[in-house]
Amino acid sequence: MFSKYSKDYLFNGLIRKDHFFFSILFSISMITIAAELNIVAEAPFFFTWFTTGIGEFASLIVGAIIIGKIGKRIDLTR
């Protein structure tokens, strides 16, 4: 989906552009979790969507940065 950005980096080489775009996409998709929690537990929809989206975005960004740094030192393609 974002393979054309796999060689591009953001923030002075800190994170690949495709990983950043995937982080945004999956953060937005937390709408499904927010809807489930709203239906099942009567949690407030927009607050739940915001907090799960921010949490998902943060965890994906941190993970992408860590794996990117490890991948530069160790061949992870094997």
C-alpha atoms as a PDB file:
ATOM      1  CA  MET A   1       0.000   0.000   0.000  1.00  0.00           C
ATOM      2  CA  PHE A   2       2.737   2.458   0.949  1.00  0.00           C
ATOM      3  CA  SER A   3       5.623   0.530  -0.627  1.00  0.00           C
ATOM      4  CA  LYS A   4       6.626   3.468  -2.809  1.00  0.00           C
ATOM      5  CA  TYR A   5       7.645   5.296   0.391  1.00  0.00           C
ATOM      6  CA  SER A   6       9.772   2.470   1.833  1.00  0.00           C
ATOM      7  CA  LYS A   7      13.047   4.183   0.884  1.00  0.00           C
ATOM      8  CA  ASP A   8      12.008   7.640   2.156  1.00  0.00           C
ATOM      9  CA  TYR A   9      12.684   8.799   5.700  1.00  0.00           C
ATOM     10  CA  LEU A  10      11.237  11.501   7.949  1.00  0.00           C
ATOM     11  CA  PHE A  11      12.758  13.506  10.786  1.00  0.00           C
ATOM     12  CA  ASN A  12      16.383  13.244   9.610  1.00  0.00           C
ATOM     13  CA  GLY A  13      16.259   9.483   9.058  1.00  0.00           C
ATOM     14  CA  LEU A  14      14.524   8.646  12.321  1.00  0.00           C
ATOM     15  CA  ILE A  15      11.565   6.770  10.804  1.00  0.00           C
ATOM     16  CA  ARG A  16      10.630   5.459   7.379  1.00  0.00           C
ATOM     17  CA  LYS A  17       7.810   7.313   5.693  1.00  0.00           C
ATOM     18  CA  ASP A  18       5.788   4.140   5.021  1.00  0.00           C
ATOM     19  CA  HIS A  19       5.892   3.194   8.713  1.00  0.00           C
ATOM     20  CA  PHE A  20       4.705   6.688   9.623  1.00  0.00           C
ATOM     21  CA  PHE A  21       1.771   6.442   7.196  1.00  0.00           C
ATOM     22  CA  PHE A  22       0.846   2.988   8.508  1.00  0.00           C
ATOM     23  CA  SER A  23       0.891   4.398  12.042  1.00  0.00           C
ATOM     24  CA  ILE A  24      -1.591   7.083  11.028  1.00  0.00           C
ATOM     25  CA  LEU A  25      -3.817   4.578   9.205  1.00  0.00           C
ATOM     26  CA  PHE A  26      -3.980   2.147  12.119  1.00  0.00           C
ATOM     27  CA  SER A  27      -4.502   4.974  14.609  1.00  0.00           C
ATOM     28  CA  ILE A  28      -7.536   6.141  12.658  1.00  0.00           C
ATOM     29  CA  SER A  29      -8.807   2.546  12.525  1.00  0.00           C
ATOM     30  CA  MET A  30      -9.199   2.616  16.311  1.00  0.00           C
ATOM     31  CA  ILE A  31     -12.690   3.878  15.500  1.00  0.00           C
ATOM     32  CA  THR A  32     -13.769   0.220  15.526  1.00  0.00           C
ATOM     33  CA  ILE A  33     -12.425  -0.314  19.055  1.00  0.00           C
ATOM     34  CA  ALA A  34     -14.087   2.896  20.220  1.00  0.00           C
ATOM     35  CA  ALA A  35     -17.394   1.775  18.710  1.00  0.00           C
ATOM     36  CA  GLU A  36     -17.153  -1.621  20.404  1.00  0.00           C
ATOM     37  CA  LEU A  37     -16.383  -0.061  23.778  1.00  0.00           C
ATOM     38  CA  ASN A  38     -19.223   2.405  23.295  1.00  0.00           C
ATOM     39  CA  ILE A  39     -21.712  -0.371  22.563  1.00  0.00           C
ATOM     40  CA  VAL A  40     -20.519  -2.913  25.127  1.00  0.00           C
ATOM     41  CA  ALA A  41     -19.315  -0.773  28.018  1.00  0.00           C
ATOM     42  CA  GLU A  42     -21.095   2.507  27.208  1.00  0.00           C
ATOM     43  CA  ALA A  43     -17.727   4.282  27.137  1.00  0.00           C
ATOM     44  CA  PRO A  44     -17.764   7.777  25.618  1.00  0.00           C
ATOM     45  CA  PHE A  45     -17.110   7.290  21.902  1.00  0.00           C
ATOM     46  CA  PHE A  46     -14.928  10.269  20.933  1.00  0.00           C
ATOM     47  CA  PHE A  47     -12.808  10.219  24.086  1.00  0.00           C
ATOM     48  CA  THR A  48     -12.230   6.483  23.657  1.00  0.00           C
ATOM     49  CA  TRP A  49     -11.385   6.918  19.975  1.00  0.00           C
ATOM     50  CA  PHE A  50      -8.934   9.708  20.833  1.00  0.00           C
ATOM     51  CA  THR A  51      -7.173   7.838  23.632  1.00  0.00           C
ATOM     52  CA  THR A  52      -6.920   4.515  21.795  1.00  0.00           C
ATOM     53  CA  GLY A  53      -5.789   6.302  18.636  1.00  0.00           C
ATOM     54  CA  ILE A  54      -3.066   8.230  20.466  1.00  0.00           C
ATOM     55  CA  GLY A  55      -1.931   5.073  22.253  1.00  0.00           C
ATOM     56  CA  GLU A  56      -1.810   3.084  19.020  1.00  0.00           C
ATOM     57  CA  PHE A  57       0.067   5.863  17.231  1.00  0.00           C
ATOM     58  CA  ALA A  58       2.622   6.203  20.026  1.00  0.00           C
ATOM     59  CA  SER A  59       3.267   2.471  20.272  1.00  0.00           C
ATOM     60  CA  LEU A  60       3.623   2.063  16.501  1.00  0.00           C
ATOM     61  CA  ILE A  61       5.982   5.041  16.188  1.00  0.00           C
ATOM     62  CA  VAL A  62       8.173   3.889  19.081  1.00  0.00           C
ATOM     63  CA  GLY A  63       8.221   0.343  17.703  1.00  0.00           C
ATOM     64  CA  ALA A  64       9.108   1.538  14.196  1.00  0.00           C
ATOM     65  CA  ILE A  65      11.964   3.657  15.524  1.00  0.00           C
ATOM     66  CA  ILE A  66      13.346   0.809  17.640  1.00  0.00           C
ATOM     67  CA  ILE A  67      13.068  -1.793  14.871  1.00  0.00           C
ATOM     68  CA  GLY A  68      14.579   0.689  12.402  1.00  0.00           C
ATOM     69  CA  LYS A  69      17.607   1.205  14.647  1.00  0.00           C
ATOM     70  CA  ILE A  70      18.003  -2.540  15.237  1.00  0.00           C
ATOM     71  CA  GLY A  71      17.546  -3.254  11.523  1.00  0.00           C
ATOM     72  CA  LYS A  72      20.459  -0.985  10.641  1.00  0.00           C
ATOM     73  CA  ARG A  73      22.783  -3.091  12.816  1.00  0.00           C
ATOM     74  CA  ILE A  74      21.305  -6.580  12.385  1.00  0.00           C
ATOM     75  CA  ASP A  75      19.962  -8.157   9.196  1.00  0.00           C
ATOM     76  CA  LEU A  76      16.295  -8.756  10.008  1.00  0.00           C
ATOM     77  CA  THR A  77      15.434 -10.056   6.543  1.00  0.00           C
ATOM     78  CA  ARG A  78      16.709 -13.577   7.239  1.00  0.00           C
END
